[in-house]
N, C-alpha and C. Protein backbone atom coordinates (compact mmCIF):
# COMPACT_ATOMS: atom_id res chain seq x y z
N MET A 1 4.33 -160.84 3.05
CA MET A 1 5.44 -160.02 2.61
C MET A 1 6.66 -160.27 3.37
N SER A 2 7.79 -160.50 2.77
CA SER A 2 9.02 -160.83 3.51
C SER A 2 9.56 -159.58 4.15
N PHE A 3 10.45 -159.87 5.11
CA PHE A 3 11.02 -158.77 5.83
C PHE A 3 11.88 -157.89 4.82
N LEU A 4 12.55 -158.42 3.95
CA LEU A 4 13.38 -157.75 2.96
C LEU A 4 12.54 -156.80 2.13
N LYS A 5 11.40 -157.27 1.66
CA LYS A 5 10.46 -156.48 0.84
C LYS A 5 9.91 -155.26 1.64
N ARG A 6 9.52 -155.51 2.90
CA ARG A 6 9.08 -154.46 3.76
C ARG A 6 10.12 -153.37 3.92
N MET A 7 11.32 -153.82 4.26
CA MET A 7 12.47 -152.88 4.48
C MET A 7 12.66 -152.09 3.15
N GLU A 8 12.61 -152.75 2.06
CA GLU A 8 12.82 -152.02 0.78
C GLU A 8 11.74 -151.01 0.57
N GLY A 9 10.50 -151.35 0.84
CA GLY A 9 9.44 -150.43 0.76
C GLY A 9 9.56 -149.19 1.69
N ILE A 10 10.00 -149.41 2.91
CA ILE A 10 10.23 -148.39 3.89
C ILE A 10 11.31 -147.43 3.40
N ILE A 11 12.45 -148.01 2.88
CA ILE A 11 13.57 -147.28 2.40
C ILE A 11 13.19 -146.42 1.20
N ASN A 12 12.39 -147.08 0.29
CA ASN A 12 11.93 -146.32 -0.93
C ASN A 12 11.07 -145.07 -0.50
N LYS A 13 10.14 -145.35 0.40
CA LYS A 13 9.24 -144.35 0.86
C LYS A 13 10.03 -143.25 1.49
N GLY A 14 10.96 -143.52 2.27
CA GLY A 14 11.87 -142.57 2.94
C GLY A 14 12.68 -141.71 1.88
N MET A 15 13.16 -142.30 0.93
CA MET A 15 13.86 -141.66 -0.13
C MET A 15 12.96 -140.71 -0.87
N THR A 16 11.74 -141.15 -1.21
CA THR A 16 10.78 -140.30 -1.85
C THR A 16 10.44 -139.06 -1.06
N THR A 17 10.23 -139.25 0.24
CA THR A 17 9.92 -138.23 1.19
C THR A 17 11.10 -137.31 1.26
N SER A 18 12.28 -137.77 1.33
CA SER A 18 13.43 -137.00 1.36
C SER A 18 13.63 -136.07 0.18
N LYS A 19 13.33 -136.69 -1.05
CA LYS A 19 13.42 -135.85 -2.29
C LYS A 19 12.45 -134.76 -2.29
N VAL A 20 11.23 -135.05 -1.87
CA VAL A 20 10.19 -134.04 -1.84
C VAL A 20 10.58 -132.90 -0.93
N ALA A 21 11.06 -133.19 0.27
CA ALA A 21 11.50 -132.23 1.27
C ALA A 21 12.66 -131.47 0.78
N LEU A 22 13.59 -132.06 0.15
CA LEU A 22 14.75 -131.32 -0.47
C LEU A 22 14.32 -130.40 -1.59
N GLU A 23 13.34 -130.81 -2.45
CA GLU A 23 12.83 -129.93 -3.46
C GLU A 23 12.10 -128.68 -2.89
N LYS A 24 11.43 -128.96 -1.80
CA LYS A 24 10.74 -127.75 -1.12
C LYS A 24 11.72 -126.81 -0.54
N ALA A 25 12.76 -127.39 0.08
CA ALA A 25 13.76 -126.62 0.72
C ALA A 25 14.52 -125.81 -0.31
N LYS A 26 14.74 -126.47 -1.47
CA LYS A 26 15.58 -125.83 -2.51
C LYS A 26 14.69 -124.64 -3.05
N GLY A 27 13.40 -124.77 -3.24
CA GLY A 27 12.54 -123.69 -3.69
C GLY A 27 12.54 -122.51 -2.62
N LYS A 28 12.33 -122.89 -1.43
CA LYS A 28 12.29 -121.92 -0.36
C LYS A 28 13.61 -121.10 -0.26
N THR A 29 14.76 -121.76 -0.42
CA THR A 29 16.06 -121.13 -0.33
C THR A 29 16.21 -120.18 -1.45
N LYS A 30 15.78 -120.50 -2.62
CA LYS A 30 15.86 -119.68 -3.85
C LYS A 30 14.97 -118.37 -3.54
N GLU A 31 13.74 -118.66 -3.06
CA GLU A 31 12.88 -117.46 -2.81
C GLU A 31 13.49 -116.56 -1.80
N LEU A 32 14.04 -117.13 -0.73
CA LEU A 32 14.64 -116.29 0.29
C LEU A 32 15.91 -115.54 -0.24
N GLY A 33 16.61 -116.15 -1.17
CA GLY A 33 17.74 -115.51 -1.80
C GLY A 33 17.28 -114.38 -2.60
N GLU A 34 16.23 -114.50 -3.37
CA GLU A 34 15.70 -113.49 -4.25
C GLU A 34 15.17 -112.33 -3.46
N LYS A 35 14.44 -112.67 -2.28
CA LYS A 35 13.94 -111.63 -1.41
C LYS A 35 15.11 -110.78 -0.82
N GLY A 36 16.14 -111.46 -0.34
CA GLY A 36 17.27 -110.85 0.26
C GLY A 36 18.02 -109.92 -0.79
N THR A 37 18.16 -110.39 -1.99
CA THR A 37 18.80 -109.64 -3.07
C THR A 37 17.90 -108.31 -3.33
N LEU A 38 16.55 -108.53 -3.34
CA LEU A 38 15.81 -107.30 -3.61
C LEU A 38 15.92 -106.35 -2.47
N LYS A 39 15.85 -106.83 -1.28
CA LYS A 39 15.90 -105.92 -0.10
C LYS A 39 17.23 -105.09 0.00
N ILE A 40 18.31 -105.78 -0.41
CA ILE A 40 19.63 -105.13 -0.44
C ILE A 40 19.57 -104.04 -1.57
N LYS A 41 19.05 -104.42 -2.72
CA LYS A 41 18.99 -103.53 -3.80
C LYS A 41 18.12 -102.24 -3.46
N ILE A 42 17.10 -102.48 -2.75
CA ILE A 42 16.23 -101.35 -2.29
C ILE A 42 16.94 -100.45 -1.31
N MET A 43 17.69 -101.10 -0.38
CA MET A 43 18.47 -100.31 0.64
C MET A 43 19.53 -99.45 -0.05
N GLN A 44 20.24 -100.05 -1.06
CA GLN A 44 21.16 -99.35 -1.84
C GLN A 44 20.60 -98.17 -2.54
N LEU A 45 19.46 -98.38 -3.11
CA LEU A 45 18.76 -97.24 -3.92
C LEU A 45 18.33 -96.18 -2.89
N GLU A 46 17.87 -96.47 -1.76
CA GLU A 46 17.39 -95.58 -0.71
C GLU A 46 18.58 -94.74 -0.25
N LYS A 47 19.72 -95.45 -0.12
CA LYS A 47 21.00 -94.74 0.29
C LYS A 47 21.34 -93.77 -0.72
N GLN A 48 21.26 -94.17 -2.05
CA GLN A 48 21.69 -93.30 -3.09
C GLN A 48 20.72 -92.07 -3.14
N ALA A 49 19.47 -92.38 -3.04
CA ALA A 49 18.49 -91.25 -3.01
C ALA A 49 18.78 -90.25 -1.89
N GLY A 50 19.11 -90.77 -0.70
CA GLY A 50 19.49 -89.87 0.42
C GLY A 50 20.71 -88.98 0.09
N LYS A 51 21.70 -89.55 -0.55
CA LYS A 51 22.91 -88.85 -0.93
C LYS A 51 22.47 -87.71 -1.92
N ASN A 52 21.66 -88.12 -2.92
CA ASN A 52 21.15 -87.12 -3.91
C ASN A 52 20.34 -86.06 -3.24
N CYS A 53 19.53 -86.39 -2.30
CA CYS A 53 18.82 -85.33 -1.51
C CYS A 53 19.72 -84.38 -0.80
N ALA A 54 20.81 -84.87 -0.15
CA ALA A 54 21.79 -84.07 0.48
C ALA A 54 22.42 -83.16 -0.58
N GLN A 55 22.81 -83.75 -1.64
CA GLN A 55 23.43 -82.94 -2.72
C GLN A 55 22.54 -81.86 -3.22
N LEU A 56 21.22 -82.20 -3.37
CA LEU A 56 20.23 -81.27 -3.76
C LEU A 56 20.19 -80.05 -2.79
N GLY A 57 20.10 -80.39 -1.49
CA GLY A 57 20.08 -79.37 -0.49
C GLY A 57 21.28 -78.44 -0.55
N SER A 58 22.48 -79.09 -0.71
CA SER A 58 23.68 -78.28 -0.81
C SER A 58 23.69 -77.40 -1.96
N LYS A 59 23.13 -77.85 -3.09
CA LYS A 59 23.09 -77.10 -4.34
C LYS A 59 22.12 -76.01 -4.20
N VAL A 60 21.02 -76.22 -3.68
CA VAL A 60 20.01 -75.09 -3.38
C VAL A 60 20.64 -74.05 -2.49
N TYR A 61 21.23 -74.43 -1.35
CA TYR A 61 21.95 -73.49 -0.42
C TYR A 61 22.98 -72.68 -1.25
N GLU A 62 23.78 -73.35 -2.01
CA GLU A 62 24.78 -72.61 -2.81
C GLU A 62 24.16 -71.61 -3.74
N ILE A 63 23.11 -71.95 -4.42
CA ILE A 63 22.41 -71.07 -5.36
C ILE A 63 21.80 -69.86 -4.63
N LEU A 64 21.11 -70.09 -3.55
CA LEU A 64 20.52 -69.04 -2.79
C LEU A 64 21.42 -68.15 -2.02
N ILE A 65 22.39 -68.74 -1.38
CA ILE A 65 23.29 -67.97 -0.45
C ILE A 65 24.56 -67.56 -1.09
N LYS A 66 25.26 -68.45 -1.73
CA LYS A 66 26.62 -68.14 -2.31
C LYS A 66 26.38 -67.41 -3.58
N MET A 67 25.45 -67.84 -4.44
CA MET A 67 25.30 -67.19 -5.69
C MET A 67 24.35 -65.99 -5.62
N ASN A 68 23.73 -65.79 -4.45
CA ASN A 68 22.81 -64.76 -4.11
C ASN A 68 21.60 -64.64 -5.06
N LYS A 69 21.03 -65.80 -5.42
CA LYS A 69 19.84 -65.77 -6.29
C LYS A 69 18.60 -65.76 -5.27
N ASN A 70 17.54 -65.16 -5.79
CA ASN A 70 16.37 -65.04 -4.95
C ASN A 70 15.44 -66.22 -4.95
N THR A 71 15.48 -66.99 -6.01
CA THR A 71 14.56 -68.15 -6.13
C THR A 71 15.28 -69.29 -6.74
N VAL A 72 14.66 -70.48 -6.53
CA VAL A 72 15.17 -71.76 -7.10
C VAL A 72 13.89 -72.56 -7.39
N SER A 73 13.84 -73.25 -8.59
CA SER A 73 12.78 -74.02 -9.00
C SER A 73 13.31 -75.41 -9.50
N LYS A 74 12.44 -76.35 -9.70
CA LYS A 74 12.83 -77.57 -10.23
C LYS A 74 13.44 -77.59 -11.61
N SER A 75 13.28 -76.44 -12.30
CA SER A 75 13.76 -76.32 -13.61
C SER A 75 15.10 -75.54 -13.62
N THR A 76 15.60 -75.16 -12.40
CA THR A 76 16.89 -74.48 -12.33
C THR A 76 17.95 -75.41 -12.85
N PRO A 77 18.79 -74.99 -13.83
CA PRO A 77 19.75 -75.92 -14.53
C PRO A 77 20.65 -76.55 -13.51
N GLU A 78 21.06 -76.00 -12.45
CA GLU A 78 21.97 -76.61 -11.53
C GLU A 78 21.40 -77.79 -10.77
N ILE A 79 20.13 -77.72 -10.52
CA ILE A 79 19.47 -78.82 -9.77
C ILE A 79 18.51 -79.73 -10.52
N LYS A 80 18.21 -79.37 -11.69
CA LYS A 80 17.33 -80.25 -12.58
C LYS A 80 17.78 -81.64 -12.69
N PRO A 81 19.07 -81.85 -13.04
CA PRO A 81 19.56 -83.31 -13.20
C PRO A 81 19.47 -84.02 -11.90
N ILE A 82 19.74 -83.40 -10.71
CA ILE A 82 19.64 -84.00 -9.49
C ILE A 82 18.22 -84.50 -9.18
N ILE A 83 17.30 -83.70 -9.40
CA ILE A 83 15.89 -83.97 -9.26
C ILE A 83 15.38 -85.18 -10.17
N GLN A 84 15.93 -85.07 -11.34
CA GLN A 84 15.60 -86.24 -12.30
C GLN A 84 16.21 -87.50 -11.80
N GLU A 85 17.39 -87.52 -11.35
CA GLU A 85 17.98 -88.75 -10.86
C GLU A 85 17.31 -89.25 -9.64
N ILE A 86 16.81 -88.34 -8.66
CA ILE A 86 16.04 -88.78 -7.52
C ILE A 86 14.69 -89.48 -8.01
N SER A 87 14.18 -88.91 -8.95
CA SER A 87 12.87 -89.48 -9.53
C SER A 87 13.07 -90.77 -10.05
N GLN A 88 14.14 -91.00 -10.83
CA GLN A 88 14.43 -92.33 -11.36
C GLN A 88 14.73 -93.40 -10.30
N ILE A 89 15.48 -92.94 -9.30
CA ILE A 89 15.75 -93.85 -8.14
C ILE A 89 14.40 -94.28 -7.51
N GLU A 90 13.55 -93.28 -7.26
CA GLU A 90 12.23 -93.61 -6.65
C GLU A 90 11.47 -94.58 -7.42
N LYS A 91 11.47 -94.50 -8.75
CA LYS A 91 10.84 -95.45 -9.65
C LYS A 91 11.41 -96.86 -9.53
N LYS A 92 12.79 -96.92 -9.42
CA LYS A 92 13.42 -98.16 -9.31
C LYS A 92 13.06 -98.88 -7.93
N ILE A 93 12.96 -98.01 -6.91
CA ILE A 93 12.60 -98.48 -5.58
C ILE A 93 11.21 -99.17 -5.64
N ASP A 94 10.25 -98.38 -6.28
CA ASP A 94 8.86 -98.83 -6.39
C ASP A 94 8.84 -100.12 -7.12
N GLU A 95 9.60 -100.30 -8.28
CA GLU A 95 9.60 -101.45 -9.03
C GLU A 95 10.11 -102.60 -8.18
N ASN A 96 11.20 -102.42 -7.46
CA ASN A 96 11.74 -103.50 -6.69
C ASN A 96 10.91 -103.88 -5.48
N GLU A 97 10.17 -102.88 -4.88
CA GLU A 97 9.20 -103.29 -3.84
C GLU A 97 7.99 -104.00 -4.39
N ALA A 98 7.56 -103.70 -5.63
CA ALA A 98 6.50 -104.55 -6.23
C ALA A 98 6.95 -106.04 -6.46
N LEU A 99 8.17 -106.07 -6.93
CA LEU A 99 8.67 -107.51 -7.17
C LEU A 99 8.86 -108.23 -5.88
N LEU A 100 9.22 -107.56 -4.84
CA LEU A 100 9.34 -108.11 -3.50
C LEU A 100 8.05 -108.58 -2.96
N LYS A 101 7.00 -107.84 -3.17
CA LYS A 101 5.64 -108.21 -2.72
C LYS A 101 5.05 -109.45 -3.44
N LYS A 102 5.56 -109.65 -4.79
CA LYS A 102 5.03 -110.74 -5.53
C LYS A 102 5.74 -112.06 -5.05
N LEU A 103 6.93 -112.01 -4.35
CA LEU A 103 7.53 -113.26 -3.91
C LEU A 103 6.88 -113.82 -2.70
């Protein structure tokens, strides 16, 4: 085998190896990007749930103390929509965490 043929073979092998490595890196980068996006989404949802919980506490305080009512339940009209929103956020968090585990 001539020197030129050997060099051509080495270069071709190197190119093939580089292509394979780049494809693997591309796939890993995409996976990491998806994981990062899901983690950010989960953090945003948790933050929103925290705000809603604070709003719920304020509303319960307002009903019991300022409106001088004796009881509050999850069906109290002033707090029912807040509780429903918190439940929806919790479901979204669970869905996103399940997606994250699949990656």
